[in-house]
Amino acid sequence: MKKIIVTLAALVSIGGAMAFNQYSQAQMERKAPPKTQPANPLVTVAELRAGEYRASLKAYGEVKATESLNLTAQISGKVNYISPKLRSGAQFAQGEVLIGLEDIDYRYQVTNAESSLADAELAYLQEVKNGEQALEEWQASGLALAKASDLVLRKPQLKVAETKLALAKLALAKAKSDLAKSKIRAPFDAIIISKAVSLGSFLQPGTQVASMYNANHFEIPLPLTYEQWQQLPDEQALKAKAWPVTLSLEGKALPANAQIGRFEKHLSSDSRQRSLIVKVNQPLASAEPIFPGDFVSVDFSGVTLANLWQVPDSALTKDISLWLLDSNNSLKKVKVELAFARGGHSYVRLPAEITQAKVVVRPLASYMAGMLVTPAKTEVRL
């Protein structure tokens, strides 16, 4: 009997708990959630106005050799010497021997020309003496000097001797020049691109022996837009002083000695733009050398421009616009003209009627014109 009473009590307790839970849930469902007013989006704005800023330009270009050369033989001869380092990429100082030709024939020509010159000098001195003697004999005869012919005074003979002497000197100079050309030397400080001859090759005048480029000077053509050209001083101002530039390769600044060199006077048929030429001096001498074929970025300053707005890069939308706040904290989208960018800021032109504005620093893609917002933080940059 006791066992039955306990069981009945447990069943009653369970039933009561279930009934209480059902009642509580029903009461919660009857209570409506509290209504809250939707808040306007919070935005960070910057108070800005137009000012004067010096233009900063960035352009990209490929490094090119200012001078490149296919070196050729100037005389004929058999190759009997090739510099051991004459390979692609090797560096030669100006005047250093690359290739030597057999020179016995040219040494013979020099010796022969020296002999001919000695004979011509002797003949000239003899003719000078003969002319002096002819003059003395004519004067001793008592005849008037005015009646003496040039032939009697041996003036034509002296002229012939002078001409032969000059010809002998030129022949010796030519022989020495040919002998010097038997050693083919680097015409400037050069980097070898390729070699075209082998030991034992017989060369004729005009035979290519190597190709190379000048290692002292490179240049970088930079195609610029019309707007970028307007941000540069004129050519005379650039020539008045060395206008510095900064080179970067794959995001790393290069310690190259570079400056603006010249302007091109024509438009490229490919880009339809005119190029500014940057000159790089001693490009291989720095700790971070550059080479022809490197694609580099170039940064340099321009002129000071008025009526520009300095805005954070984050404020500029993909379609080059800004979101502004009016006096009612309502959003307005304004299309702007980008002049240049540097150091995390963009420098833009707004419509002339806007002289001061509150600019949204980090706009969202969901913004719509006329949307009300709440300025959470204002950065004053006036």
Protein backbone atom coordinates (compact mmCIF):
# COMPACT_ATOMS: atom_id res chain seq x y z
CA MET A 1 0.00 0.00 0.00
CA LYS A 2 2.83 2.36 0.87
CA LYS A 3 4.46 1.64 -2.48
CA ILE A 4 1.27 2.56 -4.33
CA ILE A 5 0.97 5.91 -2.47
CA VAL A 6 4.56 6.88 -3.36
CA THR A 7 3.95 6.08 -7.02
CA LEU A 8 0.80 8.17 -7.13
CA ALA A 9 2.60 11.14 -5.51
CA ALA A 10 5.36 10.99 -8.13
CA LEU A 11 2.88 10.95 -10.97
CA VAL A 12 1.05 13.97 -9.55
CA SER A 13 4.32 15.92 -9.21
CA ILE A 14 5.32 15.21 -12.81
CA GLY A 15 1.94 16.23 -14.11
CA GLY A 16 2.06 19.47 -12.15
CA ALA A 17 5.46 20.38 -13.50
CA MET A 18 4.36 19.79 -17.08
CA ALA A 19 1.27 21.90 -16.60
CA PHE A 20 3.36 24.77 -15.12
CA ASN A 21 5.79 24.71 -18.05
CA GLN A 22 2.94 24.82 -20.56
CA TYR A 23 1.38 27.77 -18.73
CA SER A 24 4.68 29.70 -18.59
CA GLN A 25 5.34 29.19 -22.32
CA ALA A 26 1.84 30.39 -23.20
CA GLN A 27 2.36 33.54 -21.14
CA MET A 28 5.68 34.29 -22.92
CA GLU A 29 4.09 33.89 -26.34
CA ARG A 30 1.38 36.41 -25.41
CA LYS A 31 4.03 39.11 -24.63
CA ALA A 32 5.04 41.07 -27.82
CA PRO A 33 8.75 42.05 -28.20
CA PRO A 34 9.45 45.70 -27.45
CA LYS A 35 9.54 47.96 -30.48
CA THR A 36 12.83 49.91 -31.04
CA GLN A 37 13.48 52.72 -33.41
CA PRO A 38 16.14 51.81 -36.11
CA ALA A 39 19.34 53.85 -35.53
CA ASN A 40 21.07 55.77 -38.35
CA PRO A 41 24.41 54.25 -39.42
CA LEU A 42 27.43 55.61 -37.59
CA VAL A 43 30.13 57.15 -39.80
CA THR A 44 33.53 58.72 -39.34
CA VAL A 45 33.93 61.98 -41.22
CA ALA A 46 36.76 64.42 -41.89
CA GLU A 47 36.20 68.17 -42.20
CA LEU A 48 38.25 69.32 -45.19
CA ARG A 49 38.81 72.27 -47.50
CA ALA A 50 40.83 72.83 -50.67
CA GLY A 51 44.52 73.77 -50.54
CA GLU A 52 47.80 73.88 -52.46
CA TYR A 53 49.89 70.71 -52.79
CA ARG A 54 52.95 69.78 -54.81
CA ALA A 55 52.14 67.16 -57.40
CA SER A 56 53.59 63.69 -56.98
CA LEU A 57 53.80 61.53 -60.09
CA LYS A 58 54.30 57.81 -60.53
CA ALA A 59 55.02 56.12 -63.85
CA TYR A 60 56.30 52.78 -65.06
CA GLY A 61 58.83 51.90 -67.72
CA GLU A 62 61.35 49.38 -68.98
CA VAL A 63 65.06 50.02 -68.49
CA LYS A 64 66.87 50.28 -71.83
CA ALA A 65 70.52 50.65 -72.81
CA THR A 66 71.21 54.16 -74.08
CA GLU A 67 73.84 52.81 -76.47
CA SER A 68 74.03 49.34 -77.94
CA LEU A 69 76.47 48.22 -80.61
CA ASN A 70 77.22 45.33 -82.94
CA LEU A 71 81.02 45.55 -82.93
CA THR A 72 82.61 44.68 -86.30
CA ALA A 73 86.13 44.17 -87.64
CA GLN A 74 87.63 47.07 -89.57
CA ILE A 75 90.44 45.10 -91.24
CA SER A 76 90.86 41.54 -92.45
CA GLY A 77 92.83 38.91 -90.61
CA LYS A 78 92.83 35.62 -88.77
CA VAL A 79 91.71 35.60 -85.11
CA ASN A 80 94.63 34.46 -82.95
CA TYR A 81 93.45 35.81 -79.59
CA ILE A 82 90.10 35.99 -77.77
CA SER A 83 89.83 37.39 -74.27
CA PRO A 84 89.07 34.57 -71.82
CA LYS A 85 86.18 36.55 -70.36
CA LEU A 86 84.53 37.35 -73.70
CA ARG A 87 81.18 35.80 -72.80
CA SER A 88 77.65 37.12 -72.43
CA GLY A 89 77.34 39.24 -69.29
CA ALA A 90 81.08 40.02 -69.06
CA GLN A 91 82.10 43.59 -68.39
CA PHE A 92 84.95 45.32 -70.25
CA ALA A 93 86.53 48.69 -69.59
CA GLN A 94 86.86 51.13 -72.45
CA GLY A 95 89.95 50.26 -74.53
CA GLU A 96 90.30 46.72 -73.19
CA VAL A 97 91.21 44.12 -75.85
CA LEU A 98 88.45 41.71 -76.80
CA ILE A 99 89.94 40.04 -79.90
CA GLY A 100 93.38 40.02 -81.57
CA LEU A 101 94.20 39.38 -85.25
CA GLU A 102 97.46 38.18 -86.75
CA ASP A 103 99.40 41.40 -87.33
CA ILE A 104 102.65 40.51 -89.13
CA ASP A 105 101.41 41.96 -92.42
CA TYR A 106 100.38 45.18 -90.67
CA ARG A 107 103.70 45.48 -88.84
CA TYR A 108 105.43 45.05 -92.21
CA GLN A 109 103.30 47.85 -93.66
CA VAL A 110 104.26 50.13 -90.78
CA THR A 111 107.97 49.45 -91.28
CA ASN A 112 107.65 49.95 -95.05
CA ALA A 113 105.78 53.21 -94.51
CA GLU A 114 108.47 54.40 -92.10
CA SER A 115 111.11 53.68 -94.76
CA SER A 116 109.14 55.56 -97.41
CA LEU A 117 108.73 58.49 -95.06
CA ALA A 118 112.49 58.61 -94.42
CA ASP A 119 113.11 58.70 -98.20
CA ALA A 120 110.53 61.44 -98.64
CA GLU A 121 112.04 63.52 -95.87
CA LEU A 122 115.49 63.15 -97.41
CA ALA A 123 114.19 64.09 -100.87
CA TYR A 124 112.43 67.12 -99.41
CA LEU A 125 115.57 68.33 -97.60
CA GLN A 126 117.63 67.82 -100.78
CA GLU A 127 115.13 69.80 -102.79
CA VAL A 128 115.17 72.61 -100.23
CA LYS A 129 118.95 72.69 -100.57
CA ASN A 130 118.73 72.62 -104.37
CA GLY A 131 116.32 75.55 -104.34
CA GLU A 132 118.61 77.57 -102.12
CA GLN A 133 121.57 76.81 -104.40
CA ALA A 134 119.61 77.78 -107.54
CA LEU A 135 118.68 81.10 -105.96
CA GLU A 136 122.32 81.81 -105.04
CA GLU A 137 123.49 81.02 -108.57
CA TRP A 138 120.85 83.28 -110.13
CA GLN A 139 121.77 86.15 -107.84
CA ALA A 140 125.49 85.60 -108.62
CA SER A 141 124.76 85.96 -112.34
CA GLY A 142 123.71 89.57 -111.81
CA LEU A 143 120.33 89.05 -113.47
CA ALA A 144 117.24 90.57 -112.02
CA LEU A 145 115.45 88.21 -109.65
CA ALA A 146 112.11 89.12 -111.20
CA LYS A 147 113.15 87.51 -114.44
CA ALA A 148 113.93 84.14 -112.81
CA SER A 149 111.29 81.49 -113.55
CA ASP A 150 109.88 79.19 -110.89
CA LEU A 151 111.36 76.25 -112.71
CA VAL A 152 114.84 77.76 -112.56
CA LEU A 153 114.43 78.42 -108.86
CA ARG A 154 113.12 74.82 -108.46
CA LYS A 155 109.84 75.84 -106.82
CA PRO A 156 107.74 73.15 -108.63
CA GLN A 157 110.28 70.51 -107.66
CA LEU A 158 110.03 71.61 -104.02
CA LYS A 159 106.22 71.42 -104.21
CA VAL A 160 106.45 67.84 -105.48
CA ALA A 161 108.82 66.93 -102.65
CA GLU A 162 106.46 68.51 -100.09
CA THR A 163 103.49 66.56 -101.48
CA LYS A 164 105.38 63.26 -101.43
CA LEU A 165 106.45 63.94 -97.84
CA ALA A 166 102.85 64.62 -96.78
CA LEU A 167 101.73 61.47 -98.59
CA ALA A 168 104.39 59.41 -96.84
CA LYS A 169 103.28 60.75 -93.45
CA LEU A 170 99.65 59.80 -94.20
CA ALA A 171 100.73 56.35 -95.39
CA LEU A 172 102.57 55.78 -92.11
CA ALA A 173 99.55 56.99 -90.10
CA LYS A 174 97.31 54.64 -92.10
CA ALA A 175 99.65 51.69 -91.52
CA LYS A 176 99.80 52.40 -87.79
CA SER A 177 96.00 52.72 -87.66
CA ASP A 178 95.57 49.35 -89.41
CA LEU A 179 98.05 47.78 -87.00
CA ALA A 180 96.10 49.20 -84.05
CA LYS A 181 92.87 47.79 -85.50
CA SER A 182 94.34 44.29 -85.35
CA LYS A 183 93.48 44.56 -81.65
CA ILE A 184 89.68 44.92 -81.40
CA ARG A 185 88.95 46.90 -78.25
CA ALA A 186 85.86 47.89 -76.29
CA PRO A 187 84.77 51.33 -77.58
CA PHE A 188 83.25 52.20 -74.17
CA ASP A 189 82.69 50.59 -70.79
CA ALA A 190 80.68 47.67 -72.09
CA ILE A 191 78.58 44.69 -71.07
CA ILE A 192 78.78 41.85 -73.57
CA ILE A 193 75.50 40.55 -74.96
CA SER A 194 76.91 37.89 -77.29
CA LYS A 195 80.11 36.74 -79.03
CA ALA A 196 80.10 35.97 -82.78
CA VAL A 197 83.62 34.63 -83.59
CA SER A 198 85.90 31.78 -82.60
CA LEU A 199 89.66 31.31 -82.44
CA GLY A 200 90.95 30.77 -86.01
CA SER A 201 88.09 32.62 -87.69
CA PHE A 202 89.10 34.76 -90.65
CA LEU A 203 87.52 38.17 -90.51
CA GLN A 204 86.75 40.61 -93.27
CA PRO A 205 86.00 44.30 -92.74
CA GLY A 206 82.42 44.50 -91.48
CA THR A 207 82.35 41.01 -89.92
CA GLN A 208 80.47 41.14 -86.59
CA VAL A 209 82.56 39.96 -83.65
CA ALA A 210 80.35 40.79 -80.62
CA SER A 211 77.30 42.74 -79.50
CA MET A 212 77.32 44.91 -76.38
CA TYR A 213 75.75 47.85 -74.62
CA ASN A 214 77.18 50.85 -72.80
CA ALA A 215 77.38 50.13 -69.07
CA ASN A 216 77.66 53.79 -68.02
CA HIS A 217 74.23 55.07 -69.03
CA PHE A 218 70.75 53.56 -69.16
CA GLU A 219 67.45 55.27 -69.83
CA ILE A 220 63.81 54.64 -68.95
CA PRO A 221 61.06 55.90 -71.29
CA LEU A 222 57.96 56.78 -69.24
CA PRO A 223 54.68 57.19 -71.17
CA LEU A 224 52.69 59.95 -69.43
CA THR A 225 49.06 60.96 -69.75
CA TYR A 226 48.05 64.47 -70.74
CA GLU A 227 47.07 65.18 -67.11
CA GLN A 228 50.50 64.08 -65.87
CA TRP A 229 52.24 66.36 -68.37
CA GLN A 230 50.23 69.28 -66.97
CA GLN A 231 51.68 68.56 -63.51
CA LEU A 232 55.29 68.94 -64.71
CA PRO A 233 57.31 72.13 -65.21
CA ASP A 234 58.32 73.03 -68.75
CA GLU A 235 61.39 71.62 -70.43
CA GLN A 236 63.54 74.68 -69.71
CA ALA A 237 62.83 74.42 -65.99
CA LEU A 238 63.74 70.73 -66.00
CA LYS A 239 66.98 71.45 -67.84
CA ALA A 240 67.89 74.30 -65.51
CA LYS A 241 68.69 71.81 -62.75
CA ALA A 242 68.94 68.06 -62.32
CA TRP A 243 65.35 67.01 -61.55
CA PRO A 244 65.64 63.99 -59.23
CA VAL A 245 63.55 60.84 -59.39
CA THR A 246 63.24 57.73 -57.24
CA LEU A 247 63.31 54.25 -58.78
CA SER A 248 61.70 51.15 -57.30
CA LEU A 249 61.87 47.54 -58.42
CA GLU A 250 59.24 45.12 -57.10
CA GLY A 251 58.39 47.58 -54.33
CA LYS A 252 62.00 48.08 -53.20
CA ALA A 253 63.64 51.49 -53.60
CA LEU A 254 66.83 51.49 -55.68
CA PRO A 255 69.81 53.73 -54.82
CA ALA A 256 70.32 54.61 -58.48
CA ASN A 257 71.67 57.96 -59.69
CA ALA A 258 68.68 58.91 -61.83
CA GLN A 259 67.24 62.17 -63.10
CA ILE A 260 64.91 63.46 -65.78
CA GLY A 261 66.84 63.61 -69.03
CA ARG A 262 64.69 64.80 -71.90
CA PHE A 263 61.23 64.88 -73.48
CA GLU A 264 60.21 62.95 -76.55
CA LYS A 265 58.61 65.05 -79.26
CA HIS A 266 56.21 62.46 -80.65
CA LEU A 267 53.38 60.20 -79.52
CA SER A 268 53.88 56.45 -79.33
CA SER A 269 51.87 54.58 -81.95
CA ASP A 270 51.11 51.92 -79.32
CA SER A 271 50.08 53.93 -76.23
CA ARG A 272 49.23 57.23 -77.99
CA GLN A 273 51.17 58.94 -75.21
CA ARG A 274 54.32 61.03 -75.13
CA SER A 275 57.23 59.77 -73.07
CA LEU A 276 59.50 61.41 -70.53
CA ILE A 277 63.02 59.95 -70.59
CA VAL A 278 64.74 59.28 -67.26
CA LYS A 279 68.53 58.99 -67.43
CA VAL A 280 70.37 56.61 -65.09
CA ASN A 281 74.11 57.16 -64.61
CA GLN A 282 76.45 54.32 -63.59
CA PRO A 283 73.51 51.91 -63.16
CA LEU A 284 75.73 48.91 -62.38
CA ALA A 285 77.89 50.65 -59.78
CA SER A 286 75.30 50.87 -57.00
CA ALA A 287 74.63 48.26 -54.32
CA GLU A 288 71.33 47.44 -56.05
CA PRO A 289 72.15 47.52 -59.78
CA ILE A 290 69.51 47.62 -62.47
CA PHE A 291 69.74 46.01 -65.89
CA PRO A 292 68.19 46.50 -69.32
CA GLY A 293 64.84 44.76 -69.31
CA ASP A 294 64.00 45.56 -65.67
CA PHE A 295 60.50 47.03 -65.32
CA VAL A 296 60.65 49.74 -62.68
CA SER A 297 58.34 52.28 -61.10
CA VAL A 298 59.48 55.90 -61.02
CA ASP A 299 58.33 58.52 -58.52
CA PHE A 300 59.07 62.23 -58.91
CA SER A 301 57.66 65.60 -57.92
CA GLY A 302 55.89 68.07 -60.14
CA VAL A 303 54.66 71.63 -59.78
CA THR A 304 52.49 73.02 -56.96
CA LEU A 305 48.78 72.73 -57.77
CA ALA A 306 45.98 74.83 -56.29
CA ASN A 307 42.41 73.87 -55.35
CA LEU A 308 43.19 70.28 -54.41
CA TRP A 309 41.57 68.27 -51.62
CA GLN A 310 43.69 65.90 -49.58
CA VAL A 311 41.46 62.96 -48.67
CA PRO A 312 42.31 59.55 -47.17
CA ASP A 313 42.60 56.80 -49.78
CA SER A 314 39.88 54.94 -47.90
CA ALA A 315 37.39 57.75 -48.63
CA LEU A 316 37.65 57.33 -52.39
CA THR A 317 35.18 54.88 -53.95
CA LYS A 318 35.92 52.59 -56.88
CA ASP A 319 34.23 54.98 -59.30
CA ILE A 320 36.41 57.89 -58.04
CA SER A 321 33.71 59.56 -55.93
CA LEU A 322 33.34 60.86 -52.37
CA TRP A 323 30.42 60.65 -49.95
CA LEU A 324 29.75 64.03 -48.31
CA LEU A 325 27.49 65.02 -45.42
CA ASP A 326 25.18 68.00 -45.66
CA SER A 327 23.96 70.07 -42.70
CA ASN A 328 21.21 67.51 -42.02
CA ASN A 329 23.68 64.60 -41.89
CA SER A 330 22.32 63.35 -45.19
CA LEU A 331 24.66 61.55 -47.61
CA LYS A 332 25.53 63.01 -50.99
CA LYS A 333 27.77 61.33 -53.57
CA VAL A 334 30.08 63.62 -55.55
CA LYS A 335 32.20 62.61 -58.54
CA VAL A 336 35.79 63.91 -58.25
CA GLU A 337 38.88 64.16 -60.46
CA LEU A 338 41.95 62.36 -59.13
CA ALA A 339 45.15 64.40 -59.60
CA PHE A 340 47.65 62.09 -57.85
CA ALA A 341 48.12 59.95 -54.75
CA ARG A 342 50.91 59.53 -52.20
CA GLY A 343 51.44 58.45 -48.61
CA GLY A 344 47.96 57.03 -48.02
CA HIS A 345 46.19 60.11 -49.37
CA SER A 346 44.54 60.99 -52.66
CA TYR A 347 44.56 64.54 -54.01
CA VAL A 348 41.38 65.32 -55.88
CA ARG A 349 39.42 68.17 -57.43
CA LEU A 350 35.82 68.76 -56.38
CA PRO A 351 33.28 71.01 -58.10
CA ALA A 352 34.31 74.65 -57.76
CA GLU A 353 31.22 75.61 -55.75
CA ILE A 354 32.31 73.32 -52.87
CA THR A 355 34.82 75.11 -50.65
CA GLN A 356 34.45 73.14 -47.42
CA ALA A 357 32.97 69.71 -46.75
CA LYS A 358 32.55 66.80 -44.38
CA VAL A 359 33.86 63.68 -46.11
CA VAL A 360 33.00 60.14 -45.04
CA VAL A 361 36.34 58.48 -44.31
CA ARG A 362 35.30 54.85 -44.84
CA PRO A 363 32.13 54.64 -46.97
CA LEU A 364 30.18 51.40 -47.45
CA ALA A 365 28.92 49.99 -50.72
CA SER A 366 25.39 50.00 -49.29
CA TYR A 367 25.20 53.79 -49.01
CA MET A 368 22.49 55.61 -50.94
CA ALA A 369 22.06 59.28 -51.72
CA GLY A 370 19.87 60.98 -49.12
CA MET A 371 20.50 58.36 -46.42
CA LEU A 372 20.63 59.81 -42.92
CA VAL A 373 23.71 58.93 -40.88
CA THR A 374 25.14 59.78 -37.49
CA PRO A 375 28.70 61.18 -37.36
CA ALA A 376 30.41 59.05 -34.73
CA LYS A 377 33.74 60.83 -34.98
CA THR A 378 34.84 63.97 -36.76
CA GLU A 379 38.47 64.48 -37.84
CA VAL A 380 39.10 68.17 -38.32
CA ARG A 381 41.72 68.78 -41.05
CA LEU A 382 41.00 72.33 -42.10
